[in-house]
C-alpha cells in the first residue's frame, strides 16, 4: 500500500513538473506569447529552476537547452525513483542501467511533447467553436500552427470547418504508437 501511494505521489508530482517544463520549452521554441495567464503560470512554476540553470547552460540555435535538460533530468529522476520503489536494483550493471534510463527518459520526453501537441490541438479546436477570441487563442495558435501547415496544404477547409486538427491528432496518435514500440525495445533489458 505504501509503495502504491509513493508511486502515485512521485508520478503525479514528477510528471507535473516534466509537463510544465516541456510546455515552457515548446512555448519558447515556437515563440508563443508568455503575457497571458498560461505563460505567467508556467513561468511562476518553473523560474526557480530554469533561471539559475540558464546561467550555466546556454541556449543553442534559439532553443532553451536549460529547460529541456531540466525536463530530461526530472523525467529520469521520476523513472529511477519509480523503478527503485518497484524493487529494481541498479547495482548489477549501473552503466547499462544509466544508458537505458537516459534513453527511456528522452523517449518519454518525446511522448510528452506529442501529448502536449494533441492536447493543444483539441483545446484549440474546442475553443474555436466556443470562444474563438479567448486569451489562450494566441498561445494555442503558436503551439499548433507549424504542425497544421503540412495538413492544410493538402486538406482544404470544408465550409467553415478546418479538418487539419483531426488529421494532426490522428498522425500524433500514430506517432505515439510507434514511439511506444520503440520504448518497449529500449526497455527490454529491464
Protein backbone atom coordinates (compact mmCIF):
# COMPACT_ATOMS: atom_id res chain seq x y z
CA UNK A 1 0.00 0.00 0.00
CA UNK A 2 2.77 2.47 0.86
CA UNK A 3 4.55 1.60 -2.37
CA UNK A 4 1.41 2.43 -4.35
CA UNK A 5 0.96 5.73 -2.52
CA UNK A 6 4.62 6.61 -3.03
CA UNK A 7 4.40 5.70 -6.73
CA UNK A 8 1.28 7.81 -7.14
CA UNK A 9 2.85 10.85 -5.47
CA UNK A 10 6.17 10.57 -7.34
CA UNK A 11 4.45 10.00 -10.68
CA UNK A 12 1.91 12.80 -10.23
CA UNK A 13 4.22 15.50 -8.89
CA UNK A 14 7.16 14.50 -11.06
CA UNK A 15 5.16 14.36 -14.26
CA UNK A 16 3.51 17.69 -13.46
CA UNK A 17 6.99 19.21 -13.33
CA UNK A 18 8.02 17.45 -16.55
CA UNK A 19 4.89 18.58 -18.42
CA UNK A 20 5.24 22.17 -17.24
CA UNK A 21 8.94 22.28 -18.18
CA UNK A 22 8.21 20.79 -21.61
CA UNK A 23 5.37 23.24 -22.18
CA UNK A 24 7.73 26.08 -21.30
CA UNK A 25 10.33 24.69 -23.72
CA UNK A 26 7.79 24.43 -26.54
CA UNK A 27 6.32 27.86 -25.86
CA UNK A 28 9.79 29.40 -26.12
CA UNK A 29 10.78 27.32 -29.15
CA UNK A 30 7.59 28.17 -31.05
CA UNK A 31 7.59 31.81 -29.88
CA UNK A 32 4.27 31.57 -28.07
CA UNK A 33 3.42 34.68 -26.06
CA UNK A 34 4.07 34.47 -22.32
CA UNK A 35 1.99 37.55 -21.41
CA UNK A 36 -1.16 35.59 -20.66
CA UNK A 37 -2.43 33.50 -17.71
CA UNK A 38 -0.90 30.26 -19.04
CA UNK A 39 2.51 31.79 -19.71
CA UNK A 40 2.59 33.50 -16.33
CA UNK A 41 1.56 30.25 -14.61
CA UNK A 42 4.30 28.29 -16.40
CA UNK A 43 6.92 30.92 -15.58
CA UNK A 44 5.85 31.05 -11.92
CA UNK A 45 6.11 27.26 -11.59
CA UNK A 46 9.46 26.87 -13.34
CA UNK A 47 11.50 30.05 -12.81
CA UNK A 48 13.01 28.66 -9.58
CA UNK A 49 14.84 26.01 -11.61
CA UNK A 50 15.12 27.47 -15.11
CA UNK A 51 16.61 30.87 -14.32
CA UNK A 52 19.62 29.50 -12.35
CA UNK A 53 20.13 26.75 -14.95
CA UNK A 54 20.24 29.31 -17.77
CA UNK A 55 23.23 30.98 -16.12
CA UNK A 56 25.16 27.73 -16.53
CA UNK A 57 23.65 26.18 -19.68
CA UNK A 58 23.45 28.45 -22.72
CA UNK A 59 20.80 28.24 -25.40
CA UNK A 60 21.56 26.66 -28.76
CA UNK A 61 20.09 27.78 -32.10
CA UNK A 62 17.23 29.57 -30.35
CA UNK A 63 16.38 26.55 -28.19
CA UNK A 64 16.23 26.78 -24.42
CA UNK A 65 18.57 23.88 -23.67
CA UNK A 66 18.49 24.56 -19.92
CA UNK A 67 14.73 23.95 -19.73
CA UNK A 68 14.98 20.86 -21.92
CA UNK A 69 17.80 19.45 -19.81
CA UNK A 70 15.86 20.11 -16.60
CA UNK A 71 12.84 18.29 -18.05
CA UNK A 72 15.06 15.36 -19.04
CA UNK A 73 16.64 15.22 -15.57
CA UNK A 74 13.23 15.40 -13.88
CA UNK A 75 11.93 12.61 -16.13
CA UNK A 76 15.00 10.45 -15.42
CA UNK A 77 14.61 11.05 -11.67
CA UNK A 78 10.92 10.12 -11.75
CA UNK A 79 11.68 6.93 -13.68
CA UNK A 80 14.58 6.00 -11.38
CA UNK A 81 12.50 6.58 -8.23
CA UNK A 82 9.59 4.56 -9.59
CA UNK A 83 11.90 1.72 -10.60
CA UNK A 84 13.53 1.76 -7.16
CA UNK A 85 10.13 1.64 -5.45
CA UNK A 86 9.21 -1.36 -7.59
CA UNK A 87 12.33 -3.17 -6.45
CA UNK A 88 14.75 -2.72 -9.33
CA UNK A 89 18.39 -2.89 -8.21
CA UNK A 90 20.67 -0.54 -10.14
CA UNK A 91 23.78 -2.12 -8.61
CA UNK A 92 24.10 -5.05 -11.04
CA UNK A 93 25.06 -3.12 -14.19
CA UNK A 94 24.96 0.60 -13.38
CA UNK A 95 26.46 1.70 -16.72
CA UNK A 96 23.88 -0.12 -18.82
CA UNK A 97 21.08 0.92 -16.47
CA UNK A 98 22.14 4.58 -16.76
CA UNK A 99 22.22 4.44 -20.58
CA UNK A 100 18.84 2.73 -20.79
CA UNK A 101 17.36 5.17 -18.26
CA UNK A 102 18.75 8.12 -20.23
CA UNK A 103 17.29 6.79 -23.50
CA UNK A 104 13.96 5.97 -21.89
CA UNK A 105 13.78 9.47 -20.41
CA UNK A 106 14.49 11.05 -23.80
CA UNK A 107 11.83 8.90 -25.48
CA UNK A 108 9.37 9.75 -22.72
CA UNK A 109 10.02 13.49 -23.28
CA UNK A 110 9.21 12.98 -26.94
CA UNK A 111 5.97 11.26 -25.93
CA UNK A 112 5.18 14.14 -23.55
CA UNK A 113 5.76 16.60 -26.41
CA UNK A 114 3.36 14.69 -28.66
CA UNK A 115 0.74 14.52 -25.90
CA UNK A 116 1.07 18.28 -25.33
CA UNK A 117 0.54 18.83 -29.07
CA UNK A 118 -2.56 16.63 -29.03
CA UNK A 119 -3.92 18.49 -26.01
CA UNK A 120 -3.24 21.88 -27.58
CA UNK A 121 -4.93 20.84 -30.84
CA UNK A 122 -8.03 19.54 -29.05
CA UNK A 123 -8.35 22.58 -26.78
CA UNK A 124 -7.80 24.91 -29.74
CA UNK A 125 -10.48 23.15 -31.79
CA UNK A 126 -12.95 23.37 -28.91
CA UNK A 127 -12.15 27.00 -28.13
CA UNK A 128 -12.51 27.94 -31.81
CA UNK A 129 -16.14 26.82 -31.55
CA UNK A 130 -16.91 28.11 -28.05
CA UNK A 131 -14.73 31.20 -27.51
CA UNK A 132 -12.65 31.99 -30.62
CA UNK A 133 -11.23 35.21 -29.13
CA UNK A 134 -10.09 33.61 -25.89
CA UNK A 135 -6.94 34.80 -24.16
CA UNK A 136 -5.48 31.34 -24.88
CA UNK A 137 -6.02 31.57 -28.64
CA UNK A 138 -2.62 33.15 -29.47
CA UNK A 139 -0.76 30.60 -27.32
CA UNK A 140 -2.56 27.64 -28.83
CA UNK A 141 -2.13 29.04 -32.33
CA UNK A 142 1.62 29.43 -31.84
CA UNK A 143 1.91 25.88 -30.45
CA UNK A 144 -0.06 24.23 -33.26
CA UNK A 145 0.37 26.35 -36.40
CA UNK A 146 3.69 24.80 -37.57
CA UNK A 147 2.21 21.31 -37.20
CA UNK A 148 -1.02 22.15 -39.04
CA UNK A 149 0.85 23.58 -42.03
CA UNK A 150 1.56 20.24 -43.83
CA UNK A 151 -2.06 19.14 -43.44
CA UNK A 152 -3.51 22.47 -44.56
CA UNK A 153 -1.60 22.24 -47.83
CA UNK A 154 -3.49 19.10 -48.82
CA UNK A 155 -6.76 19.29 -46.86
CA UNK A 156 -8.84 22.37 -47.66
CA UNK A 157 -11.43 23.63 -45.16
CA UNK A 158 -14.90 22.17 -45.66
CA UNK A 159 -17.31 25.05 -45.29
CA UNK A 160 -16.18 26.90 -42.18
CA UNK A 161 -14.55 23.83 -40.63
CA UNK A 162 -10.82 23.20 -40.67
CA UNK A 163 -10.16 19.46 -40.54
CA UNK A 164 -6.40 19.77 -40.05
CA UNK A 165 -6.66 19.35 -36.23
CA UNK A 166 -8.36 15.99 -36.75
CA UNK A 167 -5.59 14.77 -39.05
CA UNK A 168 -2.89 16.19 -36.78
CA UNK A 169 -4.30 14.30 -33.78
CA UNK A 170 -4.54 11.13 -35.88
CA UNK A 171 -0.91 11.46 -37.04
CA UNK A 172 0.21 12.22 -33.47
CA UNK A 173 -1.59 9.12 -32.17
CA UNK A 174 0.18 7.01 -34.80
CA UNK A 175 3.49 8.56 -33.74
CA UNK A 176 2.72 7.66 -30.11
CA UNK A 177 2.05 4.05 -31.09
CA UNK A 178 5.36 3.83 -32.94
CA UNK A 179 7.14 5.53 -30.05
CA UNK A 180 5.60 3.03 -27.63
CA UNK A 181 7.08 0.18 -29.67
CA UNK A 182 10.48 1.87 -29.64
CA UNK A 183 10.28 2.39 -25.87
CA UNK A 184 9.48 -1.30 -25.49
CA UNK A 185 12.61 -2.21 -27.42
CA UNK A 186 14.80 0.10 -25.35
CA UNK A 187 13.30 -1.10 -22.05
CA UNK A 188 13.69 -4.80 -22.90
CA UNK A 189 16.90 -5.18 -20.81
CA UNK A 190 14.84 -4.32 -17.73
